[in-house]
Amino acid sequence: MYKDILKSLTVSPEKVLSIASAFKSALSNRPDVCGLKLLDSTCTRPAGEEQAEVLALDFGGTNLRLLLIRLKGNRTYGVLKEHIISLKHNRWGIDLTDASIDS
């Protein structure tokens, strides 16, 4: 299941550059207005008793981290799988942290 999820997230180098260019354009037109449309990601504080397997995505400054986590209840959890992708040095050969990215 985890490998299927990762496989479905495969993106071509051309698509990565296209997405990076769109983000750059949306952010650089006017510094006082962001052109990106974001979903409200607020949620209630967990009770700690949840039991499930969840996929977590962490976009850091230079890495994208994907984790498959099992919530066990009693405020405990276990990391089942972890995959880290460098945004600087990746299989596409594109530094996605570079502010000058342009298509």
C-alpha atoms as a PDB file:
ATOM      1  CA  MET A   1       0.000   0.000   0.000  1.00  0.00           C
ATOM      2  CA  TYR A   2       2.736   2.485   0.970  1.00  0.00           C
ATOM      3  CA  LYS A   3       4.708   1.834  -2.232  1.00  0.00           C
ATOM      4  CA  ASP A   4       1.524   2.258  -4.286  1.00  0.00           C
ATOM      5  CA  ILE A   5       0.925   5.629  -2.649  1.00  0.00           C
ATOM      6  CA  LEU A   6       4.508   6.742  -3.360  1.00  0.00           C
ATOM      7  CA  LYS A   7       4.239   5.517  -6.956  1.00  0.00           C
ATOM      8  CA  SER A   8       1.047   7.517  -7.464  1.00  0.00           C
ATOM      9  CA  LEU A   9       2.942  10.648  -6.340  1.00  0.00           C
ATOM     10  CA  THR A  10       5.546  10.311  -9.110  1.00  0.00           C
ATOM     11  CA  VAL A  11       5.882  13.549 -11.074  1.00  0.00           C
ATOM     12  CA  SER A  12       7.919  14.250 -14.227  1.00  0.00           C
ATOM     13  CA  PRO A  13      10.717  16.850 -14.174  1.00  0.00           C
ATOM     14  CA  GLU A  14       8.704  18.982 -16.626  1.00  0.00           C
ATOM     15  CA  LYS A  15       5.672  18.961 -14.323  1.00  0.00           C
ATOM     16  CA  VAL A  16       7.857  19.848 -11.306  1.00  0.00           C
ATOM     17  CA  LEU A  17       9.233  22.890 -13.162  1.00  0.00           C
ATOM     18  CA  SER A  18       5.730  23.873 -14.268  1.00  0.00           C
ATOM     19  CA  ILE A  19       4.418  23.710 -10.691  1.00  0.00           C
ATOM     20  CA  ALA A  20       7.440  25.634  -9.341  1.00  0.00           C
ATOM     21  CA  SER A  21       6.948  28.307 -11.995  1.00  0.00           C
ATOM     22  CA  ALA A  22       3.229  28.636 -11.153  1.00  0.00           C
ATOM     23  CA  PHE A  23       4.040  29.001  -7.435  1.00  0.00           C
ATOM     24  CA  LYS A  24       6.694  31.609  -8.180  1.00  0.00           C
ATOM     25  CA  SER A  25       4.301  33.558 -10.379  1.00  0.00           C
ATOM     26  CA  ALA A  26       1.510  33.436  -7.798  1.00  0.00           C
ATOM     27  CA  LEU A  27       3.843  34.702  -5.072  1.00  0.00           C
ATOM     28  CA  SER A  28       5.710  37.394  -7.002  1.00  0.00           C
ATOM     29  CA  ASN A  29       3.010  39.430  -8.754  1.00  0.00           C
ATOM     30  CA  ARG A  30       2.253  41.649  -5.747  1.00  0.00           C
ATOM     31  CA  PRO A  31       4.097  41.265  -2.459  1.00  0.00           C
ATOM     32  CA  ASP A  32       1.004  42.341  -0.453  1.00  0.00           C
ATOM     33  CA  VAL A  33      -1.328  39.786  -2.099  1.00  0.00           C
ATOM     34  CA  CYS A  34      -0.765  36.042  -2.348  1.00  0.00           C
ATOM     35  CA  GLY A  35      -2.184  34.468  -5.488  1.00  0.00           C
ATOM     36  CA  LEU A  36      -2.237  30.963  -3.999  1.00  0.00           C
ATOM     37  CA  LYS A  37      -5.583  29.542  -2.958  1.00  0.00           C
ATOM     38  CA  LEU A  38      -5.201  27.473   0.202  1.00  0.00           C
ATOM     39  CA  LEU A  39      -7.571  25.128   1.962  1.00  0.00           C
ATOM     40  CA  ASP A  40      -8.359  25.784   5.609  1.00  0.00           C
ATOM     41  CA  SER A  41      -6.211  23.214   7.395  1.00  0.00           C
ATOM     42  CA  THR A  42      -7.281  23.958  10.946  1.00  0.00           C
ATOM     43  CA  CYS A  43      -8.629  21.030  12.910  1.00  0.00           C
ATOM     44  CA  THR A  44      -9.638  20.256  16.444  1.00  0.00           C
ATOM     45  CA  ARG A  45      -7.032  19.095  18.920  1.00  0.00           C
ATOM     46  CA  PRO A  46      -6.878  15.282  18.952  1.00  0.00           C
ATOM     47  CA  ALA A  47      -8.110  13.526  22.068  1.00  0.00           C
ATOM     48  CA  GLY A  48      -5.176  11.091  22.037  1.00  0.00           C
ATOM     49  CA  GLU A  49      -7.428   8.051  21.901  1.00  0.00           C
ATOM     50  CA  GLU A  50      -7.544   7.837  18.078  1.00  0.00           C
ATOM     51  CA  GLN A  51      -6.689   4.474  16.531  1.00  0.00           C
ATOM     52  CA  ALA A  52      -5.892   4.471  12.827  1.00  0.00           C
ATOM     53  CA  GLU A  53      -3.163   4.448  10.209  1.00  0.00           C
ATOM     54  CA  VAL A  54      -2.543   7.891   8.746  1.00  0.00           C
ATOM     55  CA  LEU A  55      -0.273   9.355   6.073  1.00  0.00           C
ATOM     56  CA  ALA A  56       1.567  12.479   7.188  1.00  0.00           C
ATOM     57  CA  LEU A  57       3.353  14.919   4.870  1.00  0.00           C
ATOM     58  CA  ASP A  58       5.934  17.338   6.264  1.00  0.00           C
ATOM     59  CA  PHE A  59       7.257  20.031   3.943  1.00  0.00           C
ATOM     60  CA  GLY A  60      10.415  21.307   5.585  1.00  0.00           C
ATOM     61  CA  GLY A  61      12.912  23.828   4.282  1.00  0.00           C
ATOM     62  CA  THR A  62      14.934  21.348   2.226  1.00  0.00           C
ATOM     63  CA  ASN A  63      13.082  18.030   2.547  1.00  0.00           C
ATOM     64  CA  LEU A  64       9.691  16.480   1.962  1.00  0.00           C
ATOM     65  CA  ARG A  65       9.041  13.775   4.528  1.00  0.00           C
ATOM     66  CA  LEU A  66       6.280  11.182   4.073  1.00  0.00           C
ATOM     67  CA  LEU A  67       5.334   9.048   7.050  1.00  0.00           C
ATOM     68  CA  LEU A  68       2.864   6.237   7.547  1.00  0.00           C
ATOM     69  CA  ILE A  69       1.907   6.397  11.221  1.00  0.00           C
ATOM     70  CA  ARG A  70      -0.174   4.054  13.361  1.00  0.00           C
ATOM     71  CA  LEU A  71      -2.117   5.856  16.083  1.00  0.00           C
ATOM     72  CA  LYS A  72      -2.513   3.370  18.929  1.00  0.00           C
ATOM     73  CA  GLY A  73      -4.690   5.310  21.365  1.00  0.00           C
ATOM     74  CA  ASN A  74      -3.518   6.252  24.862  1.00  0.00           C
ATOM     75  CA  ARG A  75      -1.541   9.075  23.223  1.00  0.00           C
ATOM     76  CA  THR A  76       0.875   6.588  21.638  1.00  0.00           C
ATOM     77  CA  TYR A  77       1.896   6.048  18.034  1.00  0.00           C
ATOM     78  CA  GLY A  78       4.418   4.219  15.899  1.00  0.00           C
ATOM     79  CA  VAL A  79       6.047   5.201  12.622  1.00  0.00           C
ATOM     80  CA  LEU A  80       5.477   2.301  10.217  1.00  0.00           C
ATOM     81  CA  LYS A  81       7.252   3.765   7.171  1.00  0.00           C
ATOM     82  CA  GLU A  82       9.232   6.911   6.462  1.00  0.00           C
ATOM     83  CA  HIS A  83      10.440   8.287   3.148  1.00  0.00           C
ATOM     84  CA  ILE A  84      12.459  11.491   2.778  1.00  0.00           C
ATOM     85  CA  ILE A  85      12.879  13.351  -0.508  1.00  0.00           C
ATOM     86  CA  SER A  86      15.422  16.152  -0.775  1.00  0.00           C
ATOM     87  CA  LEU A  87      14.037  19.289  -2.373  1.00  0.00           C
ATOM     88  CA  LYS A  88      17.617  20.353  -3.196  1.00  0.00           C
ATOM     89  CA  HIS A  89      19.157  17.106  -4.457  1.00  0.00           C
ATOM     90  CA  ASN A  90      16.487  14.890  -5.987  1.00  0.00           C
ATOM     91  CA  ARG A  91      15.982  12.481  -8.854  1.00  0.00           C
ATOM     92  CA  TRP A  92      14.885  15.341 -11.121  1.00  0.00           C
ATOM     93  CA  GLY A  93      18.163  17.215 -10.694  1.00  0.00           C
ATOM     94  CA  ILE A  94      16.229  20.372  -9.798  1.00  0.00           C
ATOM     95  CA  ASP A  95      16.853  22.454  -6.667  1.00  0.00           C
ATOM     96  CA  LEU A  96      13.248  23.181  -5.677  1.00  0.00           C
ATOM     97  CA  THR A  97      14.452  25.541  -2.925  1.00  0.00           C
ATOM     98  CA  ASP A  98      16.110  27.843  -5.474  1.00  0.00           C
ATOM     99  CA  ALA A  99      14.214  31.154  -5.634  1.00  0.00           C
ATOM    100  CA  SER A 100      15.283  31.651  -9.260  1.00  0.00           C
ATOM    101  CA  ILE A 101      13.489  28.548 -10.607  1.00  0.00           C
ATOM    102  CA  ASP A 102      11.720  29.366 -13.838  1.00  0.00           C
ATOM    103  CA  SER A 103      10.340  27.217 -16.594  1.00  0.00           C
END
